[in-house]
Amino acid sequence: GNILTPRLNYKWTSTDKKNVMRLSFGNGYRVANVFTEDHAALTGARKVVFTEELKPERSWNGNLNYVCKFYPRRAGFIGLDASVFYTYFRNQIVPDFTSDANKIIYDNLDGHAISSGFSLNLDFNFLNGLKVIAGATAMNVYRMENGIRLPQLFAPPLSGTWTISYPLPKARLTFDYTGHLSSPMH
C-alpha cells in the first residue's frame, strides 16, 4: 500500500556561492532485511532467532548543514562542512548479541531509539598539490527500553578520519596517508 513519508528541505546559498546552509526534516520508513544488512547473522555459528514478526522501522529526523568555502591567495582552497543531526526511531530492529552466546535474537525495540550528533569536515587544497582532508563525528546513540537507557552496540561516541595526499606529477605518483580513529564503544 501507500506509505506517507513527508520531508521538508530548505537550501540557502550566499550570492558569492561561498556559503550554503541546508535544513532538512522528515519522516522515514524502512523495511529491514536482516540477512543483507547484518552479516553477523550469516557469518557466525550462532543460531538466528526472530521473537516476533518484524515491523517496519519508522523515524523522524532533522539535519542542519553548513558549508563554507575559502580561497586564500597562498593556500588555494579551504572547505568547511559542519552538520548537526537528530533521529528518533520507533520499531527499530535491534539484534541481541549478549543474552545468549549461541544466538542472535532479533525483535523490534519495545521503546524508542535516538541518534544525535555533530560532524565537522575540513578540506585543505594547497597550491603545491598537497591536500589534507580531516573529519570528526561526535554521536550520542542509545535506546530506551522499559524505562532504561541502553547504549547502542558498535556505535562509537567519537570517530574521525583523515587523508593527506601529495602528488608527484612527473613520476605519475601520488602519496596518500589515510587513517581512521574510533573511541571505545560497546
N, C-alpha and C. Protein backbone atom coordinates (compact mmCIF):
# COMPACT_ATOMS: atom_id res chain seq x y z
N GLY A 1 0.81 -1.19 0.00
CA GLY A 1 0.00 0.00 0.00
C GLY A 1 0.85 1.25 0.00
N ASN A 2 0.19 2.35 0.16
CA ASN A 2 0.86 3.64 0.19
C ASN A 2 1.41 3.92 1.58
N ILE A 3 2.57 4.53 1.62
CA ILE A 3 3.21 4.90 2.88
C ILE A 3 3.56 6.37 2.78
N LEU A 4 3.03 7.17 3.68
CA LEU A 4 3.29 8.61 3.68
C LEU A 4 4.58 8.89 4.44
N THR A 5 5.55 9.48 3.79
CA THR A 5 6.83 9.84 4.42
C THR A 5 7.17 11.28 4.03
N PRO A 6 6.53 12.25 4.69
CA PRO A 6 6.77 13.65 4.32
C PRO A 6 8.20 14.09 4.65
N ARG A 7 8.70 15.01 3.86
CA ARG A 7 10.04 15.56 4.07
C ARG A 7 10.02 17.01 3.62
N LEU A 8 10.70 17.86 4.41
CA LEU A 8 10.80 19.28 4.09
C LEU A 8 12.28 19.62 4.01
N ASN A 9 12.70 20.23 2.92
CA ASN A 9 14.09 20.62 2.72
C ASN A 9 14.16 22.10 2.34
N TYR A 10 15.16 22.77 2.87
CA TYR A 10 15.38 24.17 2.54
C TYR A 10 16.88 24.37 2.32
N LYS A 11 17.22 25.13 1.27
CA LYS A 11 18.62 25.42 0.98
C LYS A 11 18.77 26.92 0.74
N TRP A 12 19.79 27.49 1.39
CA TRP A 12 20.14 28.89 1.19
C TRP A 12 21.58 28.95 0.71
N THR A 13 21.83 29.75 -0.33
CA THR A 13 23.18 29.95 -0.86
C THR A 13 23.46 31.44 -0.90
N SER A 14 24.64 31.83 -0.42
CA SER A 14 25.02 33.25 -0.45
C SER A 14 25.22 33.68 -1.91
N THR A 15 25.17 34.97 -2.14
CA THR A 15 25.30 35.48 -3.51
C THR A 15 26.66 35.16 -4.12
N ASP A 16 27.72 35.05 -3.30
CA ASP A 16 29.04 34.71 -3.83
C ASP A 16 29.27 33.19 -3.91
N LYS A 17 28.24 32.42 -3.52
CA LYS A 17 28.26 30.95 -3.56
C LYS A 17 29.32 30.32 -2.66
N LYS A 18 29.84 31.06 -1.69
CA LYS A 18 30.84 30.53 -0.76
C LYS A 18 30.22 29.95 0.50
N ASN A 19 28.95 30.23 0.74
CA ASN A 19 28.27 29.75 1.93
C ASN A 19 26.95 29.09 1.52
N VAL A 20 26.73 27.90 2.07
CA VAL A 20 25.50 27.18 1.80
C VAL A 20 24.97 26.62 3.12
N MET A 21 23.69 26.82 3.36
CA MET A 21 23.05 26.25 4.53
C MET A 21 21.87 25.40 4.08
N ARG A 22 21.76 24.19 4.66
CA ARG A 22 20.67 23.30 4.33
C ARG A 22 19.97 22.88 5.61
N LEU A 23 18.67 22.81 5.55
CA LEU A 23 17.85 22.35 6.66
C LEU A 23 16.93 21.27 6.12
N SER A 24 16.89 20.15 6.82
CA SER A 24 16.08 19.03 6.38
C SER A 24 15.34 18.45 7.57
N PHE A 25 14.08 18.12 7.37
CA PHE A 25 13.28 17.49 8.42
C PHE A 25 12.30 16.56 7.75
N GLY A 26 12.10 15.38 8.33
CA GLY A 26 11.13 14.49 7.71
C GLY A 26 10.98 13.17 8.42
N ASN A 27 10.19 12.34 7.79
CA ASN A 27 9.82 11.04 8.30
C ASN A 27 10.44 9.96 7.41
N GLY A 28 10.88 8.90 8.03
CA GLY A 28 11.45 7.79 7.28
C GLY A 28 10.73 6.49 7.60
N TYR A 29 10.77 5.58 6.66
CA TYR A 29 10.13 4.28 6.78
C TYR A 29 11.06 3.28 6.13
N ARG A 30 11.33 2.17 6.82
CA ARG A 30 12.28 1.22 6.27
C ARG A 30 11.91 -0.19 6.66
N VAL A 31 11.86 -1.06 5.67
CA VAL A 31 11.70 -2.48 5.91
C VAL A 31 13.10 -3.06 5.90
N ALA A 32 13.56 -3.52 7.04
CA ALA A 32 14.92 -4.02 7.16
C ALA A 32 15.02 -5.44 6.61
N ASN A 33 16.14 -5.72 5.98
CA ASN A 33 16.46 -7.08 5.54
C ASN A 33 17.66 -7.52 6.37
N VAL A 34 17.39 -8.28 7.41
CA VAL A 34 18.40 -8.65 8.39
C VAL A 34 19.59 -9.35 7.75
N PHE A 35 19.35 -10.21 6.80
CA PHE A 35 20.43 -11.04 6.26
C PHE A 35 21.36 -10.29 5.31
N THR A 36 20.89 -9.22 4.70
CA THR A 36 21.80 -8.44 3.85
C THR A 36 22.44 -7.29 4.61
N GLU A 37 21.82 -6.84 5.70
CA GLU A 37 22.33 -5.70 6.45
C GLU A 37 23.21 -6.09 7.63
N ASP A 38 23.00 -7.26 8.18
CA ASP A 38 23.74 -7.69 9.36
C ASP A 38 24.44 -9.00 9.06
N HIS A 39 25.67 -8.89 8.59
CA HIS A 39 26.41 -10.08 8.16
C HIS A 39 26.72 -11.03 9.31
N ALA A 40 26.66 -10.56 10.54
CA ALA A 40 26.89 -11.44 11.69
C ALA A 40 25.86 -12.55 11.73
N ALA A 41 24.68 -12.29 11.17
CA ALA A 41 23.63 -13.31 11.17
C ALA A 41 23.99 -14.48 10.26
N LEU A 42 24.86 -14.27 9.30
CA LEU A 42 25.21 -15.34 8.35
C LEU A 42 26.62 -15.88 8.52
N THR A 43 27.52 -15.10 9.08
CA THR A 43 28.93 -15.50 9.07
C THR A 43 29.38 -16.24 10.32
N GLY A 44 28.55 -16.28 11.34
CA GLY A 44 28.97 -16.93 12.57
C GLY A 44 28.29 -18.27 12.77
N ALA A 45 28.57 -18.88 13.90
CA ALA A 45 27.99 -20.17 14.24
C ALA A 45 26.76 -20.01 15.13
N ARG A 46 26.35 -18.78 15.36
CA ARG A 46 25.19 -18.54 16.22
C ARG A 46 23.89 -18.86 15.50
N LYS A 47 22.91 -19.29 16.26
CA LYS A 47 21.58 -19.52 15.72
C LYS A 47 20.85 -18.18 15.64
N VAL A 48 20.17 -17.93 14.54
CA VAL A 48 19.42 -16.69 14.35
C VAL A 48 17.98 -16.94 14.78
N VAL A 49 17.50 -16.09 15.71
CA VAL A 49 16.16 -16.26 16.28
C VAL A 49 15.37 -14.96 16.08
N PHE A 50 14.13 -15.09 15.59
CA PHE A 50 13.20 -13.96 15.49
C PHE A 50 12.12 -14.19 16.52
N THR A 51 11.98 -13.28 17.49
CA THR A 51 10.99 -13.47 18.55
C THR A 51 9.58 -13.06 18.13
N GLU A 52 9.48 -12.33 17.02
CA GLU A 52 8.19 -11.86 16.53
C GLU A 52 8.34 -11.52 15.06
N GLU A 53 7.21 -11.30 14.40
CA GLU A 53 7.27 -10.83 13.02
C GLU A 53 7.74 -9.38 13.06
N LEU A 54 8.82 -9.08 12.36
CA LEU A 54 9.42 -7.75 12.44
C LEU A 54 8.55 -6.73 11.72
N LYS A 55 8.32 -5.61 12.41
CA LYS A 55 7.57 -4.50 11.83
C LYS A 55 8.54 -3.53 11.17
N PRO A 56 8.09 -2.77 10.19
CA PRO A 56 8.98 -1.77 9.57
C PRO A 56 9.42 -0.71 10.58
N GLU A 57 10.64 -0.26 10.42
CA GLU A 57 11.16 0.82 11.27
C GLU A 57 10.58 2.15 10.80
N ARG A 58 10.33 3.03 11.75
CA ARG A 58 9.86 4.39 11.45
C ARG A 58 10.80 5.37 12.12
N SER A 59 11.00 6.51 11.51
CA SER A 59 11.87 7.51 12.12
C SER A 59 11.41 8.92 11.75
N TRP A 60 11.77 9.85 12.64
CA TRP A 60 11.66 11.27 12.38
C TRP A 60 13.05 11.83 12.53
N ASN A 61 13.48 12.64 11.59
CA ASN A 61 14.85 13.15 11.68
C ASN A 61 14.94 14.58 11.19
N GLY A 62 15.99 15.22 11.69
CA GLY A 62 16.29 16.59 11.28
C GLY A 62 17.79 16.76 11.12
N ASN A 63 18.18 17.63 10.22
CA ASN A 63 19.59 17.85 9.94
C ASN A 63 19.79 19.32 9.56
N LEU A 64 20.82 19.93 10.14
CA LEU A 64 21.21 21.28 9.76
C LEU A 64 22.66 21.20 9.30
N ASN A 65 22.92 21.65 8.08
CA ASN A 65 24.25 21.54 7.48
C ASN A 65 24.71 22.91 7.00
N TYR A 66 25.99 23.21 7.24
CA TYR A 66 26.58 24.47 6.80
C TYR A 66 27.88 24.17 6.06
N VAL A 67 28.02 24.71 4.87
CA VAL A 67 29.23 24.52 4.06
C VAL A 67 29.78 25.91 3.74
N CYS A 68 31.07 26.06 3.96
CA CYS A 68 31.72 27.34 3.71
C CYS A 68 33.01 27.09 2.92
N LYS A 69 33.28 27.91 1.91
CA LYS A 69 34.48 27.79 1.09
C LYS A 69 35.30 29.06 1.18
N PHE A 70 36.61 28.87 1.36
CA PHE A 70 37.54 29.99 1.41
C PHE A 70 38.56 29.81 0.29
N TYR A 71 39.02 30.91 -0.29
CA TYR A 71 40.02 30.86 -1.35
C TYR A 71 41.18 31.80 -1.03
N PRO A 72 41.98 31.48 0.00
CA PRO A 72 43.12 32.34 0.32
C PRO A 72 44.14 32.33 -0.82
N ARG A 73 44.78 33.44 -1.07
CA ARG A 73 45.72 33.54 -2.19
C ARG A 73 46.85 32.52 -2.12
N ARG A 74 47.41 32.32 -0.95
CA ARG A 74 48.57 31.45 -0.83
C ARG A 74 48.22 30.00 -0.47
N ALA A 75 46.96 29.73 -0.23
CA ALA A 75 46.59 28.39 0.22
C ALA A 75 45.86 27.59 -0.85
N GLY A 76 45.18 28.23 -1.76
CA GLY A 76 44.42 27.50 -2.77
C GLY A 76 42.95 27.44 -2.43
N PHE A 77 42.56 26.46 -1.62
CA PHE A 77 41.15 26.26 -1.29
C PHE A 77 41.03 25.65 0.09
N ILE A 78 40.10 26.16 0.89
CA ILE A 78 39.79 25.59 2.19
C ILE A 78 38.27 25.44 2.26
N GLY A 79 37.84 24.24 2.61
CA GLY A 79 36.42 23.98 2.73
C GLY A 79 36.06 23.52 4.13
N LEU A 80 34.93 23.97 4.62
CA LEU A 80 34.42 23.58 5.93
C LEU A 80 33.01 23.06 5.74
N ASP A 81 32.72 21.91 6.36
CA ASP A 81 31.39 21.31 6.26
C ASP A 81 31.00 20.85 7.66
N ALA A 82 29.95 21.44 8.22
CA ALA A 82 29.52 21.11 9.58
C ALA A 82 28.05 20.72 9.56
N SER A 83 27.70 19.71 10.36
CA SER A 83 26.31 19.25 10.44
C SER A 83 25.94 18.92 11.87
N VAL A 84 24.68 19.17 12.19
CA VAL A 84 24.07 18.75 13.44
C VAL A 84 22.87 17.89 13.03
N PHE A 85 22.71 16.72 13.67
CA PHE A 85 21.62 15.82 13.26
C PHE A 85 20.95 15.19 14.47
N TYR A 86 19.69 14.78 14.27
CA TYR A 86 18.90 14.14 15.31
C TYR A 86 17.91 13.19 14.64
N THR A 87 17.82 11.95 15.12
CA THR A 87 16.85 10.99 14.60
C THR A 87 16.19 10.26 15.77
N TYR A 88 14.88 10.14 15.69
CA TYR A 88 14.08 9.43 16.68
C TYR A 88 13.49 8.21 15.97
N PHE A 89 13.78 7.00 16.48
CA PHE A 89 13.33 5.75 15.85
C PHE A 89 12.22 5.09 16.67
N ARG A 90 11.26 4.51 15.98
CA ARG A 90 10.26 3.62 16.55
C ARG A 90 10.36 2.29 15.81
N ASN A 91 10.03 1.22 16.47
CA ASN A 91 10.07 -0.12 15.86
C ASN A 91 11.46 -0.48 15.36
N GLN A 92 12.47 0.12 15.89
CA GLN A 92 13.82 -0.19 15.42
C GLN A 92 14.11 -1.68 15.64
N ILE A 93 14.71 -2.29 14.64
CA ILE A 93 15.06 -3.70 14.74
C ILE A 93 16.43 -3.79 15.40
N VAL A 94 16.46 -4.45 16.55
CA VAL A 94 17.66 -4.49 17.37
C VAL A 94 18.13 -5.93 17.53
N PRO A 95 19.36 -6.23 17.08
CA PRO A 95 19.90 -7.57 17.33
C PRO A 95 20.45 -7.67 18.75
N ASP A 96 20.13 -8.74 19.42
CA ASP A 96 20.62 -9.00 20.78
C ASP A 96 21.75 -10.03 20.67
N PHE A 97 22.98 -9.56 20.84
CA PHE A 97 24.15 -10.42 20.77
C PHE A 97 24.59 -10.91 22.15
N THR A 98 24.03 -10.33 23.23
CA THR A 98 24.59 -10.55 24.56
C THR A 98 23.79 -11.49 25.46
N SER A 99 22.49 -11.69 25.23
CA SER A 99 21.69 -12.53 26.11
C SER A 99 22.12 -13.99 26.09
N ASP A 100 22.46 -14.50 24.90
CA ASP A 100 22.85 -15.90 24.74
C ASP A 100 24.02 -15.94 23.76
N ALA A 101 25.13 -16.47 24.19
CA ALA A 101 26.34 -16.51 23.36
C ALA A 101 26.19 -17.38 22.11
N ASN A 102 25.15 -18.21 22.07
CA ASN A 102 24.94 -19.10 20.93
C ASN A 102 23.85 -18.61 19.98
N LYS A 103 23.29 -17.43 20.27
CA LYS A 103 22.18 -16.93 19.46
C LYS A 103 22.35 -15.45 19.14
N ILE A 104 21.75 -15.04 18.03
CA ILE A 104 21.49 -13.64 17.73
C ILE A 104 19.97 -13.52 17.69
N ILE A 105 19.42 -12.73 18.59
CA ILE A 105 17.97 -12.64 18.74
C ILE A 105 17.52 -11.29 18.18
N TYR A 106 16.60 -11.34 17.20
CA TYR A 106 16.09 -10.13 16.56
C TYR A 106 14.65 -9.89 16.99
N ASP A 107 14.35 -8.64 17.32
CA ASP A 107 12.98 -8.21 17.51
C ASP A 107 12.92 -6.70 17.40
N ASN A 108 11.69 -6.20 17.33
CA ASN A 108 11.51 -4.75 17.31
C ASN A 108 11.69 -4.20 18.71
N LEU A 109 12.28 -3.04 18.79
CA LEU A 109 12.52 -2.38 20.06
C LEU A 109 11.19 -2.04 20.71
N ASP A 110 11.05 -2.39 21.97
CA ASP A 110 9.87 -2.02 22.75
C ASP A 110 10.21 -0.71 23.46
N GLY A 111 10.12 0.37 22.75
CA GLY A 111 10.52 1.68 23.24
C GLY A 111 10.91 2.54 22.04
N HIS A 112 11.95 3.34 22.20
CA HIS A 112 12.42 4.17 21.10
C HIS A 112 13.94 4.26 21.15
N ALA A 113 14.51 4.74 20.07
CA ALA A 113 15.96 4.93 19.99
C ALA A 113 16.24 6.33 19.48
N ILE A 114 17.41 6.84 19.87
CA ILE A 114 17.83 8.19 19.48
C ILE A 114 19.23 8.12 18.90
N SER A 115 19.44 8.83 17.82
CA SER A 115 20.78 9.01 17.25
C SER A 115 20.93 10.51 17.00
N SER A 116 21.87 11.13 17.71
CA SER A 116 22.07 12.56 17.52
C SER A 116 23.56 12.84 17.53
N GLY A 117 23.93 13.97 16.96
CA GLY A 117 25.35 14.28 16.96
C GLY A 117 25.72 15.49 16.14
N PHE A 118 27.01 15.58 15.94
CA PHE A 118 27.63 16.71 15.24
C PHE A 118 28.80 16.18 14.43
N SER A 119 28.96 16.68 13.23
CA SER A 119 30.13 16.30 12.43
C SER A 119 30.78 17.55 11.84
N LEU A 120 32.09 17.48 11.70
CA LEU A 120 32.86 18.58 11.14
C LEU A 120 33.89 18.01 10.19
N ASN A 121 33.94 18.52 8.97
CA ASN A 121 34.91 18.10 7.96
C ASN A 121 35.64 19.32 7.43
N LEU A 122 36.95 19.19 7.30
CA LEU A 122 37.79 20.26 6.76
C LEU A 122 38.54 19.73 5.55
N ASP A 123 38.68 20.58 4.55
CA ASP A 123 39.32 20.20 3.29
C ASP A 123 40.30 21.32 2.91
N PHE A 124 41.59 21.00 2.91
CA PHE A 124 42.63 21.97 2.55
C PHE A 124 43.28 21.52 1.24
N ASN A 125 43.28 22.36 0.23
CA ASN A 125 43.94 22.09 -1.04
C ASN A 125 44.94 23.21 -1.29
N PHE A 126 46.23 22.89 -1.14
CA PHE A 126 47.26 23.90 -1.30
C PHE A 126 47.73 24.00 -2.74
N LEU A 127 48.31 25.13 -3.10
CA LEU A 127 48.74 25.37 -4.47
C LEU A 127 49.83 24.40 -4.93
N ASN A 128 50.62 23.86 -4.00
CA ASN A 128 51.70 22.94 -4.38
C ASN A 128 51.19 21.51 -4.60
N GLY A 129 49.86 21.29 -4.48
CA GLY A 129 49.29 19.97 -4.71
C GLY A 129 48.95 19.21 -3.44
N LEU A 130 49.49 19.64 -2.32
CA LEU A 130 49.20 18.98 -1.06
C LEU A 130 47.71 19.14 -0.73
N LYS A 131 47.09 18.02 -0.34
CA LYS A 131 45.68 18.03 0.01
C LYS A 131 45.53 17.35 1.37
N VAL A 132 44.82 17.99 2.29
CA VAL A 132 44.55 17.44 3.61
C VAL A 132 43.04 17.47 3.83
N ILE A 133 42.50 16.31 4.13
CA ILE A 133 41.07 16.20 4.42
C ILE A 133 40.95 15.54 5.79
N ALA A 134 40.20 16.15 6.69
CA ALA A 134 40.02 15.59 8.03
C ALA A 134 38.58 15.79 8.46
N GLY A 135 38.06 14.80 9.16
CA GLY A 135 36.69 14.88 9.64
C GLY A 135 36.53 14.19 10.97
N ALA A 136 35.57 14.67 11.76
CA ALA A 136 35.28 14.07 13.05
C ALA A 136 33.77 14.09 13.27
N THR A 137 33.29 13.07 13.97
CA THR A 137 31.88 12.97 14.30
C THR A 137 31.74 12.62 15.77
N ALA A 138 30.89 13.36 16.47
CA ALA A 138 30.55 13.06 17.85
C ALA A 138 29.07 12.65 17.86
N MET A 139 28.80 11.46 18.43
CA MET A 139 27.43 10.95 18.40
C MET A 139 26.97 10.53 19.79
N ASN A 140 25.69 10.66 19.99
CA ASN A 140 25.01 10.16 21.18
C ASN A 140 23.93 9.21 20.67
N VAL A 141 24.19 7.91 20.75
CA VAL A 141 23.28 6.90 20.20
C VAL A 141 22.87 5.96 21.33
N TYR A 142 21.57 5.85 21.54
CA TYR A 142 21.08 4.98 22.61
C TYR A 142 19.64 4.57 22.32
N ARG A 143 19.17 3.63 23.12
CA ARG A 143 17.78 3.22 23.02
C ARG A 143 17.17 3.21 24.41
N MET A 144 15.88 3.49 24.47
CA MET A 144 15.12 3.46 25.72
C MET A 144 14.18 2.26 25.66
N GLU A 145 14.38 1.33 26.59
CA GLU A 145 13.56 0.12 26.61
C GLU A 145 13.16 -0.16 28.05
N ASN A 146 11.85 -0.26 28.30
CA ASN A 146 11.32 -0.49 29.65
C ASN A 146 11.83 0.57 30.63
N GLY A 147 11.94 1.81 30.16
CA GLY A 147 12.38 2.91 31.02
C GLY A 147 13.87 2.94 31.31
N ILE A 148 14.63 2.08 30.65
CA ILE A 148 16.07 2.00 30.88
C ILE A 148 16.79 2.48 29.62
N ARG A 149 17.79 3.34 29.84
CA ARG A 149 18.61 3.86 28.73
C ARG A 149 19.76 2.89 28.50
N LEU A 150 19.84 2.36 27.27
CA LEU A 150 20.87 1.37 26.91
C LEU A 150 21.71 1.89 25.75
N PRO A 151 23.02 1.69 25.80
CA PRO A 151 23.87 2.15 24.69
C PRO A 151 23.67 1.29 23.44
N GLN A 152 23.88 1.90 22.30
CA GLN A 152 23.81 1.17 21.04
C GLN A 152 25.14 0.45 20.84
N LEU A 153 25.10 -0.83 20.51
CA LEU A 153 26.32 -1.58 20.24
C LEU A 153 26.98 -1.08 18.95
N PHE A 154 28.29 -1.09 18.93
CA PHE A 154 29.10 -0.78 17.75
C PHE A 154 28.92 0.64 17.23
N ALA A 155 28.57 1.57 18.12
CA ALA A 155 28.41 2.98 17.74
C ALA A 155 29.34 3.81 18.61
N PRO A 156 30.54 4.12 18.12
CA PRO A 156 31.48 4.89 18.96
C PRO A 156 31.00 6.32 19.16
N PRO A 157 31.16 6.86 20.37
CA PRO A 157 30.76 8.25 20.61
C PRO A 157 31.57 9.25 19.78
N LEU A 158 32.83 8.93 19.50
CA LEU A 158 33.69 9.81 18.70
C LEU A 158 34.38 8.99 17.62
N SER A 159 34.46 9.55 16.43
CA SER A 159 35.23 8.91 15.36
C SER A 159 35.80 10.00 14.46
N GLY A 160 36.86 9.65 13.79
CA GLY A 160 37.49 10.61 12.90
C GLY A 160 38.22 9.92 11.77
N THR A 161 38.37 10.62 10.68
CA THR A 161 39.11 10.12 9.53
C THR A 161 39.99 11.24 8.99
N TRP A 162 41.06 10.86 8.29
CA TRP A 162 41.91 11.85 7.66
C TRP A 162 42.60 11.25 6.46
N THR A 163 42.94 12.09 5.53
CA THR A 163 43.72 11.73 4.36
C THR A 163 44.65 12.88 4.05
N ILE A 164 45.91 12.56 3.83
CA ILE A 164 46.90 13.54 3.38
C ILE A 164 47.45 13.02 2.06
N SER A 165 47.33 13.80 1.02
CA SER A 165 47.79 13.40 -0.32
C SER A 165 48.78 14.40 -0.87
N TYR A 166 49.79 13.87 -1.54
CA TYR A 166 50.76 14.74 -2.21
C TYR A 166 51.13 14.10 -3.55
N PRO A 167 50.87 14.82 -4.65
CA PRO A 167 51.17 14.24 -5.97
C PRO A 167 52.59 14.57 -6.44
N LEU A 168 53.17 13.65 -7.17
CA LEU A 168 54.43 13.86 -7.90
C LEU A 168 54.10 13.66 -9.38
N PRO A 169 53.65 14.74 -10.05
CA PRO A 169 53.15 14.61 -11.42
C PRO A 169 54.18 14.04 -12.40
N LYS A 170 55.44 14.44 -12.28
CA LYS A 170 56.45 13.96 -13.22
C LYS A 170 56.65 12.45 -13.11
N ALA A 171 56.53 11.92 -11.91
CA ALA A 171 56.70 10.48 -11.69
C ALA A 171 55.36 9.74 -11.79
N ARG A 172 54.27 10.48 -12.01
CA ARG A 172 52.94 9.91 -12.07
C ARG A 172 52.60 9.12 -10.81
N LEU A 173 52.96 9.69 -9.69
CA LEU A 173 52.71 9.07 -8.39
C LEU A 173 51.97 10.04 -7.47
N THR A 174 51.20 9.47 -6.58
CA THR A 174 50.58 10.24 -5.52
C THR A 174 50.79 9.47 -4.23
N PHE A 175 51.27 10.14 -3.21
CA PHE A 175 51.45 9.54 -1.91
C PHE A 175 50.24 9.90 -1.04
N ASP A 176 49.64 8.89 -0.43
CA ASP A 176 48.48 9.09 0.43
C ASP A 176 48.75 8.49 1.79
N TYR A 177 48.32 9.20 2.82
CA TYR A 177 48.32 8.69 4.17
C TYR A 177 46.89 8.85 4.67
N THR A 178 46.25 7.72 4.98
CA THR A 178 44.86 7.72 5.37
C THR A 178 44.71 7.05 6.72
N GLY A 179 43.83 7.58 7.56
CA GLY A 179 43.63 6.98 8.86
C GLY A 179 42.21 7.11 9.35
N HIS A 180 41.92 6.28 10.33
CA HIS A 180 40.60 6.28 10.95
C HIS A 180 40.81 6.04 12.44
N LEU A 181 40.08 6.77 13.25
CA LEU A 181 40.18 6.65 14.69
C LEU A 181 38.78 6.53 15.26
N SER A 182 38.57 5.56 16.16
CA SER A 182 37.28 5.39 16.83
C SER A 182 37.51 5.34 18.34
N SER A 183 36.66 5.99 19.07
CA SER A 183 36.74 5.92 20.53
C SER A 183 36.22 4.55 20.97
N PRO A 184 36.45 4.18 22.22
CA PRO A 184 35.89 2.91 22.71
C PRO A 184 34.38 2.89 22.55
N MET A 185 33.83 1.71 22.33
CA MET A 185 32.39 1.56 22.13
C MET A 185 31.91 0.25 22.76
N HIS A 186 30.62 0.15 22.91
CA HIS A 186 30.02 -1.09 23.42
C HIS A 186 29.97 -2.10 22.30
